[in-house]
N, C-alpha and C. Protein backbone atom coordinates (compact mmCIF):
# COMPACT_ATOMS: atom_id res chain seq x y z
N MET A 1 -18.09 -134.89 -31.33
CA MET A 1 -18.86 -133.58 -31.23
C MET A 1 -17.82 -132.49 -30.76
N ASP A 2 -17.93 -131.36 -31.55
CA ASP A 2 -17.06 -130.29 -31.11
C ASP A 2 -17.78 -129.22 -30.57
N LEU A 3 -17.58 -128.80 -29.44
CA LEU A 3 -18.42 -127.71 -28.75
C LEU A 3 -17.62 -126.41 -28.77
N SER A 4 -16.53 -126.37 -29.67
CA SER A 4 -15.78 -125.04 -29.57
C SER A 4 -16.48 -123.83 -29.95
N SER A 5 -17.61 -123.97 -30.73
CA SER A 5 -18.38 -122.83 -31.11
C SER A 5 -19.15 -122.16 -29.97
N ILE A 6 -19.17 -122.85 -28.86
CA ILE A 6 -19.84 -122.21 -27.68
C ILE A 6 -18.95 -122.32 -26.36
N ALA A 7 -17.74 -122.93 -26.54
CA ALA A 7 -16.99 -123.13 -25.26
C ALA A 7 -16.50 -121.83 -24.70
N GLN A 8 -16.13 -120.80 -25.43
CA GLN A 8 -15.72 -119.57 -24.79
C GLN A 8 -16.81 -118.73 -24.28
N GLY A 9 -17.92 -118.84 -24.93
CA GLY A 9 -19.14 -118.07 -24.43
C GLY A 9 -19.57 -118.73 -23.15
N TYR A 10 -19.67 -120.06 -23.18
CA TYR A 10 -20.11 -120.73 -21.98
C TYR A 10 -19.12 -120.47 -20.70
N SER A 11 -17.79 -120.46 -21.00
CA SER A 11 -16.78 -120.18 -19.97
C SER A 11 -16.96 -118.81 -19.47
N VAL A 12 -17.19 -117.87 -20.42
CA VAL A 12 -17.38 -116.47 -19.95
C VAL A 12 -18.60 -116.32 -18.96
N GLY A 13 -19.61 -117.10 -19.39
CA GLY A 13 -20.87 -117.04 -18.52
C GLY A 13 -20.57 -117.63 -17.22
N ARG A 14 -19.90 -118.78 -17.10
CA ARG A 14 -19.66 -119.39 -15.91
C ARG A 14 -18.83 -118.48 -14.88
N ILE A 15 -17.75 -117.86 -15.49
CA ILE A 15 -16.89 -117.04 -14.78
C ILE A 15 -17.66 -115.72 -14.30
N ALA A 16 -18.45 -115.24 -15.14
CA ALA A 16 -19.34 -114.08 -14.86
C ALA A 16 -20.29 -114.49 -13.55
N ALA A 17 -20.85 -115.66 -13.58
CA ALA A 17 -21.63 -116.03 -12.48
C ALA A 17 -20.89 -116.07 -11.23
N VAL A 18 -19.63 -116.55 -11.32
CA VAL A 18 -18.86 -116.68 -10.03
C VAL A 18 -18.48 -115.28 -9.60
N VAL A 19 -18.25 -114.35 -10.47
CA VAL A 19 -17.93 -112.88 -10.10
C VAL A 19 -19.15 -112.28 -9.53
N GLU A 20 -20.27 -112.48 -10.18
CA GLU A 20 -21.51 -111.97 -9.56
C GLU A 20 -21.92 -112.61 -8.17
N SER A 21 -21.62 -113.92 -8.01
CA SER A 21 -21.91 -114.53 -6.66
C SER A 21 -21.02 -113.99 -5.51
N ALA A 22 -19.92 -113.47 -5.95
CA ALA A 22 -19.04 -112.86 -5.04
C ALA A 22 -19.48 -111.34 -4.62
N GLY A 23 -20.52 -110.94 -5.22
CA GLY A 23 -21.14 -109.58 -4.88
C GLY A 23 -20.54 -108.49 -5.84
N ILE A 24 -19.77 -108.87 -6.79
CA ILE A 24 -19.16 -107.76 -7.76
C ILE A 24 -20.22 -107.53 -8.76
N GLN A 25 -20.50 -106.24 -8.80
CA GLN A 25 -21.64 -105.75 -9.68
C GLN A 25 -21.15 -105.13 -11.03
N ASN A 26 -19.91 -104.75 -10.96
CA ASN A 26 -19.29 -104.01 -12.16
C ASN A 26 -18.21 -104.94 -12.73
N TYR A 27 -18.20 -105.48 -13.86
CA TYR A 27 -17.02 -106.24 -14.27
C TYR A 27 -16.99 -106.38 -15.79
N LEU A 28 -15.90 -106.87 -16.32
CA LEU A 28 -15.75 -107.31 -17.72
C LEU A 28 -14.99 -108.68 -17.69
N VAL A 29 -15.52 -109.68 -18.19
CA VAL A 29 -14.94 -110.94 -18.15
C VAL A 29 -14.72 -111.25 -19.74
N GLU A 30 -13.34 -111.59 -20.05
CA GLU A 30 -13.07 -111.77 -21.43
C GLU A 30 -12.17 -113.02 -21.60
N ILE A 31 -12.55 -113.90 -22.55
CA ILE A 31 -11.75 -115.05 -22.90
C ILE A 31 -11.52 -114.98 -24.40
N GLY A 32 -10.31 -114.87 -24.93
CA GLY A 32 -10.01 -114.93 -26.34
C GLY A 32 -10.93 -113.99 -27.17
N GLY A 33 -11.21 -112.86 -26.62
CA GLY A 33 -11.85 -111.89 -27.35
C GLY A 33 -13.50 -111.91 -27.19
N GLU A 34 -13.90 -112.95 -26.61
CA GLU A 34 -15.38 -113.18 -26.27
C GLU A 34 -15.61 -112.59 -24.86
N LEU A 35 -16.69 -111.82 -24.74
CA LEU A 35 -16.76 -111.20 -23.44
C LEU A 35 -18.17 -110.89 -22.94
N GLN A 36 -18.29 -110.55 -21.62
CA GLN A 36 -19.44 -110.13 -21.01
C GLN A 36 -19.14 -109.02 -20.05
N THR A 37 -19.98 -107.98 -20.17
CA THR A 37 -19.74 -106.83 -19.32
C THR A 37 -20.99 -106.70 -18.39
N GLN A 38 -20.76 -106.08 -17.20
CA GLN A 38 -21.92 -105.60 -16.37
C GLN A 38 -21.56 -104.30 -15.79
N GLY A 39 -22.48 -103.48 -15.77
CA GLY A 39 -22.23 -102.20 -14.95
C GLY A 39 -21.26 -101.22 -15.84
N HIS A 40 -20.23 -100.84 -15.01
CA HIS A 40 -19.28 -99.76 -15.67
C HIS A 40 -17.88 -100.00 -15.29
N LYS A 41 -16.99 -99.19 -15.76
CA LYS A 41 -15.59 -99.28 -15.37
C LYS A 41 -15.25 -98.76 -14.06
N PRO A 42 -14.28 -98.97 -13.35
CA PRO A 42 -13.99 -98.45 -11.97
C PRO A 42 -14.19 -97.00 -11.86
N ASP A 43 -13.81 -96.16 -12.98
CA ASP A 43 -13.93 -94.84 -12.86
C ASP A 43 -15.34 -94.24 -13.11
N GLY A 44 -16.31 -95.19 -13.42
CA GLY A 44 -17.72 -94.84 -13.64
C GLY A 44 -18.02 -94.68 -14.90
N SER A 45 -17.13 -94.67 -15.84
CA SER A 45 -17.42 -94.63 -17.43
C SER A 45 -17.86 -96.00 -17.94
N PRO A 46 -18.54 -95.83 -19.09
CA PRO A 46 -19.10 -96.95 -19.69
C PRO A 46 -17.98 -97.95 -20.33
N TRP A 47 -18.24 -99.15 -20.31
CA TRP A 47 -17.30 -100.02 -21.12
C TRP A 47 -17.24 -99.76 -22.56
N ARG A 48 -16.09 -99.71 -23.10
CA ARG A 48 -15.89 -99.68 -24.64
C ARG A 48 -15.20 -100.85 -25.10
N ILE A 49 -15.84 -101.37 -26.11
CA ILE A 49 -15.50 -102.78 -26.63
C ILE A 49 -15.08 -102.55 -28.16
N GLY A 50 -14.06 -103.06 -28.57
CA GLY A 50 -13.61 -103.01 -29.95
C GLY A 50 -14.04 -104.21 -30.69
N VAL A 51 -14.56 -104.09 -31.83
CA VAL A 51 -14.88 -105.24 -32.71
C VAL A 51 -13.78 -105.14 -33.75
N GLU A 52 -12.93 -106.32 -33.82
CA GLU A 52 -11.85 -106.30 -34.64
C GLU A 52 -12.09 -106.29 -36.13
N ARG A 53 -11.28 -105.47 -36.82
CA ARG A 53 -11.40 -105.48 -38.33
C ARG A 53 -10.83 -106.79 -38.78
N PRO A 54 -11.53 -107.50 -39.68
CA PRO A 54 -11.22 -108.91 -39.98
C PRO A 54 -10.23 -109.08 -41.06
N LEU A 55 -8.94 -108.72 -40.68
CA LEU A 55 -7.84 -108.74 -41.53
C LEU A 55 -6.82 -109.89 -40.93
N PRO A 56 -6.44 -110.86 -42.01
CA PRO A 56 -5.54 -111.87 -41.55
C PRO A 56 -4.31 -111.16 -41.01
N GLY A 57 -3.82 -111.55 -39.72
CA GLY A 57 -2.65 -111.05 -39.14
C GLY A 57 -2.77 -109.71 -38.60
N GLY A 58 -3.81 -109.00 -38.81
CA GLY A 58 -3.89 -107.71 -38.38
C GLY A 58 -4.65 -107.55 -36.97
N ARG A 59 -4.55 -106.45 -36.31
CA ARG A 59 -5.22 -106.27 -35.03
C ARG A 59 -5.62 -104.74 -34.96
N SER A 60 -6.62 -104.42 -35.67
CA SER A 60 -7.14 -103.08 -35.70
C SER A 60 -8.63 -103.09 -35.47
N VAL A 61 -9.17 -102.07 -35.17
CA VAL A 61 -10.57 -101.96 -34.79
C VAL A 61 -11.49 -101.51 -36.05
N GLN A 62 -12.55 -102.23 -36.13
CA GLN A 62 -13.65 -102.01 -37.28
C GLN A 62 -14.65 -101.20 -36.64
N LYS A 63 -15.12 -101.51 -35.52
CA LYS A 63 -16.22 -100.74 -34.81
C LYS A 63 -15.85 -100.71 -33.27
N THR A 64 -16.32 -99.56 -32.60
CA THR A 64 -16.29 -99.51 -31.11
C THR A 64 -17.70 -99.45 -30.63
N LEU A 65 -17.88 -100.28 -29.56
CA LEU A 65 -19.28 -100.35 -28.88
C LEU A 65 -19.05 -99.72 -27.59
N THR A 66 -19.91 -98.67 -27.24
CA THR A 66 -19.87 -98.08 -25.86
C THR A 66 -21.09 -98.57 -25.26
N ILE A 67 -20.90 -99.32 -24.11
CA ILE A 67 -22.11 -100.01 -23.43
C ILE A 67 -22.60 -99.23 -22.36
N ARG A 68 -23.74 -98.72 -22.37
CA ARG A 68 -24.32 -97.81 -21.41
C ARG A 68 -25.58 -98.56 -20.79
N GLN A 69 -25.31 -99.56 -20.18
CA GLN A 69 -26.36 -100.32 -19.46
C GLN A 69 -25.69 -101.12 -18.24
N ASP A 70 -26.44 -101.23 -17.30
CA ASP A 70 -25.92 -102.01 -16.05
C ASP A 70 -26.15 -103.46 -16.12
N ALA A 71 -27.15 -103.93 -16.94
CA ALA A 71 -27.44 -105.37 -17.09
C ALA A 71 -26.33 -105.97 -17.85
N PRO A 72 -26.23 -107.33 -17.74
CA PRO A 72 -25.18 -108.02 -18.37
C PRO A 72 -25.30 -107.93 -19.98
N VAL A 73 -24.23 -107.74 -20.71
CA VAL A 73 -24.18 -107.73 -22.06
C VAL A 73 -22.97 -108.51 -22.56
N SER A 74 -23.26 -109.49 -23.52
CA SER A 74 -22.21 -110.35 -24.08
C SER A 74 -22.09 -109.92 -25.50
N VAL A 75 -20.72 -109.95 -25.93
CA VAL A 75 -20.33 -109.46 -27.25
C VAL A 75 -19.53 -110.67 -27.75
N MET A 76 -19.95 -111.44 -28.71
CA MET A 76 -19.24 -112.53 -29.34
C MET A 76 -19.03 -112.37 -30.77
N THR A 77 -17.85 -112.74 -31.21
CA THR A 77 -17.54 -112.65 -32.63
C THR A 77 -16.98 -113.99 -33.17
N SER A 78 -17.54 -114.35 -34.28
CA SER A 78 -16.89 -115.55 -35.03
C SER A 78 -16.33 -115.04 -36.29
N GLY A 79 -15.30 -115.49 -36.81
CA GLY A 79 -14.70 -115.05 -37.97
C GLY A 79 -13.94 -116.13 -38.73
N THR A 80 -13.62 -115.95 -39.95
CA THR A 80 -12.86 -116.83 -40.86
C THR A 80 -11.48 -116.28 -41.18
N TYR A 81 -11.19 -115.06 -40.56
CA TYR A 81 -9.89 -114.42 -41.06
C TYR A 81 -8.59 -114.76 -40.19
N ARG A 82 -8.67 -115.40 -39.13
CA ARG A 82 -7.55 -115.72 -38.28
C ARG A 82 -6.92 -117.16 -38.59
N HIS A 83 -7.79 -118.07 -38.60
CA HIS A 83 -7.52 -119.52 -38.86
C HIS A 83 -8.01 -120.01 -40.12
N TYR A 84 -7.14 -120.19 -41.13
CA TYR A 84 -7.51 -120.71 -42.46
C TYR A 84 -6.26 -121.19 -43.09
N PHE A 85 -6.56 -121.84 -44.26
CA PHE A 85 -5.45 -122.15 -45.10
C PHE A 85 -5.89 -121.88 -46.58
N ASP A 86 -4.91 -121.61 -47.49
CA ASP A 86 -5.00 -121.43 -48.90
C ASP A 86 -4.70 -122.63 -49.59
N GLU A 87 -5.53 -122.97 -50.62
CA GLU A 87 -5.37 -124.22 -51.43
C GLU A 87 -5.66 -123.82 -52.83
N GLN A 88 -4.77 -123.86 -53.79
CA GLN A 88 -4.90 -123.65 -55.18
C GLN A 88 -5.72 -122.31 -55.37
N GLY A 89 -5.33 -121.29 -54.70
CA GLY A 89 -6.06 -119.97 -54.83
C GLY A 89 -7.36 -119.71 -54.04
N LYS A 90 -7.80 -120.73 -53.26
CA LYS A 90 -8.98 -120.67 -52.62
C LYS A 90 -8.73 -120.67 -51.07
N ARG A 91 -9.39 -119.90 -50.32
CA ARG A 91 -9.19 -119.73 -48.83
C ARG A 91 -10.16 -120.59 -48.28
N TYR A 92 -9.78 -121.50 -47.31
CA TYR A 92 -10.60 -122.35 -46.53
C TYR A 92 -10.57 -121.99 -44.93
N SER A 93 -11.67 -121.79 -44.44
CA SER A 93 -11.77 -121.40 -43.04
C SER A 93 -11.64 -122.65 -42.11
N HIS A 94 -11.31 -122.38 -40.90
CA HIS A 94 -11.20 -123.31 -39.92
C HIS A 94 -12.73 -123.71 -39.44
N VAL A 95 -13.70 -122.83 -39.75
CA VAL A 95 -15.00 -123.00 -39.32
C VAL A 95 -15.72 -123.95 -40.28
N LEU A 96 -16.20 -125.12 -39.68
CA LEU A 96 -16.98 -126.12 -40.57
C LEU A 96 -18.49 -125.67 -40.51
N ASP A 97 -19.08 -125.80 -41.62
CA ASP A 97 -20.48 -125.76 -41.79
C ASP A 97 -21.08 -127.06 -41.44
N ALA A 98 -21.86 -127.21 -40.40
CA ALA A 98 -22.40 -128.55 -39.91
C ALA A 98 -23.34 -129.14 -40.92
N ARG A 99 -23.85 -128.37 -41.77
CA ARG A 99 -24.75 -128.86 -42.79
C ARG A 99 -24.02 -129.63 -43.89
N THR A 100 -22.74 -129.33 -44.11
CA THR A 100 -22.08 -129.98 -45.36
C THR A 100 -20.74 -130.65 -44.74
N GLY A 101 -20.34 -130.33 -43.48
CA GLY A 101 -18.96 -130.84 -43.11
C GLY A 101 -17.86 -130.27 -43.73
N LYS A 102 -18.12 -129.14 -44.55
CA LYS A 102 -16.95 -128.48 -45.21
C LYS A 102 -16.66 -127.11 -44.54
N PRO A 103 -15.48 -126.65 -44.88
CA PRO A 103 -15.16 -125.34 -44.44
C PRO A 103 -16.02 -124.20 -45.07
N VAL A 104 -16.24 -123.18 -44.25
CA VAL A 104 -16.95 -121.98 -44.83
C VAL A 104 -16.08 -121.27 -45.81
N THR A 105 -16.65 -121.04 -46.99
CA THR A 105 -15.82 -120.48 -48.01
C THR A 105 -16.61 -119.20 -48.63
N HIS A 106 -17.66 -118.65 -48.22
CA HIS A 106 -18.33 -117.48 -48.65
C HIS A 106 -17.68 -116.30 -48.28
N ASN A 107 -18.11 -115.12 -48.69
CA ASN A 107 -17.38 -113.87 -48.41
C ASN A 107 -17.70 -113.16 -47.17
N THR A 108 -18.47 -113.86 -46.28
CA THR A 108 -18.77 -113.30 -44.90
C THR A 108 -17.68 -113.70 -44.15
N VAL A 109 -16.82 -112.72 -43.61
CA VAL A 109 -15.55 -112.99 -42.80
C VAL A 109 -15.74 -112.88 -41.33
N SER A 110 -16.86 -112.18 -40.87
CA SER A 110 -17.07 -111.89 -39.35
C SER A 110 -18.50 -111.71 -39.12
N VAL A 111 -18.89 -112.25 -37.98
CA VAL A 111 -20.26 -112.00 -37.44
C VAL A 111 -20.08 -111.68 -35.93
N THR A 112 -20.56 -110.55 -35.55
CA THR A 112 -20.52 -110.18 -34.12
C THR A 112 -22.01 -110.23 -33.75
N VAL A 113 -22.25 -110.94 -32.46
CA VAL A 113 -23.53 -110.93 -31.91
C VAL A 113 -23.52 -110.37 -30.56
N ILE A 114 -24.54 -109.45 -30.19
CA ILE A 114 -24.74 -108.91 -28.86
C ILE A 114 -26.05 -109.66 -28.25
N ASN A 115 -25.87 -110.18 -27.02
CA ASN A 115 -26.97 -110.80 -26.31
C ASN A 115 -26.73 -110.77 -24.90
N ASP A 116 -27.76 -111.02 -24.14
CA ASP A 116 -27.57 -110.98 -22.66
C ASP A 116 -26.90 -112.35 -22.22
N ASN A 117 -26.99 -113.44 -23.03
CA ASN A 117 -26.61 -114.74 -22.70
C ASN A 117 -25.27 -115.00 -23.55
N PRO A 118 -24.09 -115.21 -22.87
CA PRO A 118 -22.85 -115.35 -23.57
C PRO A 118 -22.88 -116.76 -24.41
N THR A 119 -23.51 -117.80 -23.90
CA THR A 119 -23.33 -119.06 -24.64
C THR A 119 -24.25 -118.85 -25.89
N ALA A 120 -25.38 -118.34 -25.69
CA ALA A 120 -26.27 -118.05 -26.84
C ALA A 120 -25.62 -117.09 -27.88
N ALA A 121 -24.99 -116.11 -27.54
CA ALA A 121 -24.21 -115.17 -28.32
C ALA A 121 -23.19 -115.90 -29.08
N ASP A 122 -22.44 -116.69 -28.47
CA ASP A 122 -21.30 -117.42 -29.08
C ASP A 122 -21.91 -118.41 -30.19
N ALA A 123 -22.91 -119.18 -29.74
CA ALA A 123 -23.66 -120.04 -30.67
C ALA A 123 -24.13 -119.32 -31.95
N TRP A 124 -24.94 -118.20 -31.66
CA TRP A 124 -25.47 -117.48 -32.88
C TRP A 124 -24.38 -116.90 -33.73
N SER A 125 -23.30 -116.43 -33.14
CA SER A 125 -22.27 -115.79 -34.06
C SER A 125 -21.71 -116.79 -35.00
N THR A 126 -21.45 -118.04 -34.49
CA THR A 126 -20.88 -119.18 -35.28
C THR A 126 -22.02 -119.73 -36.25
N ALA A 127 -23.20 -119.88 -35.92
CA ALA A 127 -24.32 -120.37 -36.78
C ALA A 127 -24.46 -119.25 -37.93
N LEU A 128 -24.51 -118.01 -37.59
CA LEU A 128 -24.82 -116.96 -38.67
C LEU A 128 -23.52 -116.80 -39.53
N LEU A 129 -22.36 -117.01 -39.06
CA LEU A 129 -21.18 -117.07 -39.84
C LEU A 129 -21.22 -118.09 -40.77
N CYS A 130 -21.68 -119.42 -40.41
CA CYS A 130 -21.83 -120.54 -41.33
C CYS A 130 -22.88 -120.29 -42.44
N LEU A 131 -23.83 -119.56 -42.06
CA LEU A 131 -25.00 -119.21 -42.98
C LEU A 131 -24.43 -118.10 -44.02
N GLY A 132 -23.64 -117.25 -43.54
CA GLY A 132 -23.21 -116.04 -44.44
C GLY A 132 -24.32 -115.02 -44.30
N ARG A 133 -24.01 -113.76 -44.78
CA ARG A 133 -24.91 -112.65 -44.61
C ARG A 133 -26.14 -112.98 -45.46
N GLU A 134 -26.13 -113.45 -46.65
CA GLU A 134 -27.29 -113.50 -47.46
C GLU A 134 -28.40 -114.44 -46.79
N ALA A 135 -28.02 -115.70 -46.29
CA ALA A 135 -28.93 -116.51 -45.66
C ALA A 135 -29.13 -116.13 -44.16
N GLY A 136 -27.96 -115.60 -43.51
CA GLY A 136 -28.05 -115.41 -42.20
C GLY A 136 -28.78 -114.26 -41.60
N MET A 137 -28.89 -113.20 -42.55
CA MET A 137 -29.57 -111.92 -42.09
C MET A 137 -31.06 -112.22 -41.89
N PRO A 138 -31.82 -112.94 -42.74
CA PRO A 138 -33.17 -113.14 -42.44
C PRO A 138 -33.36 -114.03 -41.17
N VAL A 139 -32.45 -114.96 -40.94
CA VAL A 139 -32.54 -115.76 -39.71
C VAL A 139 -32.29 -114.83 -38.47
N ALA A 140 -31.25 -113.98 -38.54
CA ALA A 140 -31.05 -113.08 -37.38
C ALA A 140 -32.31 -112.17 -37.24
N ASN A 141 -32.97 -111.71 -38.20
CA ASN A 141 -34.04 -110.80 -38.08
C ASN A 141 -35.20 -111.51 -37.64
N GLU A 142 -35.55 -112.77 -38.07
CA GLU A 142 -36.69 -113.58 -37.69
C GLU A 142 -36.51 -113.91 -36.25
N SER A 143 -35.20 -114.17 -35.73
CA SER A 143 -35.02 -114.60 -34.31
C SER A 143 -34.75 -113.47 -33.41
N GLY A 144 -34.82 -112.28 -33.82
CA GLY A 144 -34.58 -111.10 -32.94
C GLY A 144 -33.06 -111.10 -32.46
N ILE A 145 -32.00 -111.36 -33.28
CA ILE A 145 -30.65 -111.45 -32.88
C ILE A 145 -30.03 -110.18 -33.34
N ALA A 146 -29.24 -109.49 -32.47
CA ALA A 146 -28.52 -108.34 -32.73
C ALA A 146 -27.21 -108.79 -33.40
N ALA A 147 -27.10 -108.62 -34.66
CA ALA A 147 -25.87 -109.17 -35.37
C ALA A 147 -25.38 -108.12 -36.31
N LEU A 148 -23.94 -108.02 -36.41
CA LEU A 148 -23.18 -107.38 -37.31
C LEU A 148 -22.48 -108.30 -38.23
N PHE A 149 -22.79 -108.31 -39.60
CA PHE A 149 -22.19 -109.03 -40.53
C PHE A 149 -21.16 -108.28 -41.33
N ILE A 150 -19.92 -108.79 -41.42
CA ILE A 150 -18.84 -108.01 -42.28
C ILE A 150 -18.44 -109.02 -43.34
N THR A 151 -18.57 -108.47 -44.55
CA THR A 151 -18.18 -109.34 -45.77
C THR A 151 -17.05 -108.59 -46.53
N THR A 152 -16.54 -109.36 -47.36
CA THR A 152 -15.55 -108.70 -48.37
C THR A 152 -16.15 -108.68 -49.64
N HIS A 153 -15.97 -107.61 -50.33
CA HIS A 153 -16.46 -107.43 -51.68
C HIS A 153 -15.44 -106.52 -52.45
N ASN A 154 -14.85 -107.02 -53.50
CA ASN A 154 -13.87 -106.24 -54.34
C ASN A 154 -12.75 -105.68 -53.31
N ASN A 155 -12.35 -106.52 -52.44
CA ASN A 155 -11.19 -106.22 -51.53
C ASN A 155 -11.62 -105.08 -50.47
N ARG A 156 -12.87 -104.91 -50.33
CA ARG A 156 -13.35 -103.86 -49.35
C ARG A 156 -14.36 -104.50 -48.45
N PHE A 157 -14.35 -104.04 -47.14
CA PHE A 157 -15.24 -104.51 -46.25
C PHE A 157 -16.67 -103.88 -46.33
N GLU A 158 -17.69 -104.71 -46.31
CA GLU A 158 -19.04 -104.15 -46.25
C GLU A 158 -19.71 -104.58 -45.08
N GLU A 159 -20.49 -103.75 -44.34
CA GLU A 159 -21.21 -104.09 -43.12
C GLU A 159 -22.68 -104.16 -43.39
N ALA A 160 -23.28 -105.08 -42.67
CA ALA A 160 -24.72 -105.13 -42.67
C ALA A 160 -25.15 -105.54 -41.26
N VAL A 161 -26.28 -104.89 -40.78
CA VAL A 161 -26.67 -105.16 -39.36
C VAL A 161 -28.23 -105.64 -39.41
N SER A 162 -28.48 -106.42 -38.38
CA SER A 162 -29.83 -106.90 -38.23
C SER A 162 -30.79 -105.85 -37.63
N HIS A 163 -32.06 -106.01 -37.73
CA HIS A 163 -32.96 -105.05 -37.17
C HIS A 163 -32.71 -104.84 -35.73
N ARG A 164 -32.54 -105.93 -35.08
CA ARG A 164 -32.35 -105.83 -33.50
C ARG A 164 -31.07 -105.05 -33.26
N TRP A 165 -29.99 -105.25 -34.03
CA TRP A 165 -28.75 -104.37 -33.86
C TRP A 165 -29.08 -102.96 -33.94
N ARG A 166 -29.89 -102.59 -34.96
CA ARG A 166 -30.24 -101.17 -35.20
C ARG A 166 -31.04 -100.65 -34.12
N SER A 167 -31.76 -101.44 -33.42
CA SER A 167 -32.67 -101.03 -32.41
C SER A 167 -32.02 -100.96 -30.91
N LEU A 168 -30.81 -101.23 -30.78
CA LEU A 168 -30.07 -101.26 -29.51
C LEU A 168 -30.15 -99.85 -28.94
N LYS A 169 -30.68 -99.65 -27.89
CA LYS A 169 -30.70 -98.30 -27.22
C LYS A 169 -29.59 -98.02 -26.22
N THR A 170 -28.97 -99.03 -25.57
CA THR A 170 -28.06 -98.71 -24.62
C THR A 170 -26.62 -99.05 -25.07
N ILE A 171 -26.59 -99.30 -26.36
CA ILE A 171 -25.10 -99.58 -26.81
C ILE A 171 -25.01 -98.64 -28.06
N GLU A 172 -23.87 -97.77 -27.92
CA GLU A 172 -23.64 -96.95 -29.09
C GLU A 172 -22.61 -97.55 -29.89
N VAL A 173 -22.77 -97.57 -31.28
CA VAL A 173 -21.71 -98.07 -32.19
C VAL A 173 -21.09 -96.99 -32.81
N HIS A 174 -19.70 -96.96 -32.88
CA HIS A 174 -18.97 -95.88 -33.55
C HIS A 174 -18.08 -96.67 -34.68
C-alpha cells in the first residue's frame, strides 16, 4: 500500500495542528509545495500562493491565489510534469491509476484542489489527476470540490475549473 498521495497533506495537517495548539493563529505550513494557511502574513497582508506552471524542469507560476480568509485553507497540487519517463515517444507519469495499476498517460498534467482539510485536498488532487479532466470534472462538481485542471492541447496549456472553484469568495485567482 502506497500512501504517498496523501502523505504530504496529512503531514501538513499534523504540523498545522501543532502550530495551532501552540496558540499561533497566523501561519503558512508547507511541505514540498503542499500547504495550509491560516490568517495572514506578519505584516497583515493576505497570503499569496503560486500554482506552478506544469513545465518539466521549469519553475514558473501559472496562477496566483490571494487568500483573504482567516480560517484554514489547504492548497494541494498533483501533477505528471516533474516525475516521468519517456519510452518510444510516449510519456509515462510516476502517478499510477489505482484502477489499472498503470501510469497516468492522458493530457491532464496538473490538478490543484483547495479545501479546508489538507489530507482530503491531497487525496482529491491525486484522484482527480488519475481521472483526468474529462472524467474528473463531473466528479469534482458532484462532490463540491474546488479544482483547477490544467491540460495540454497542441503544446498549449488549457485550464478548466469546477463549479466550487468558481464560487470561491475569499480566494482571488490571478
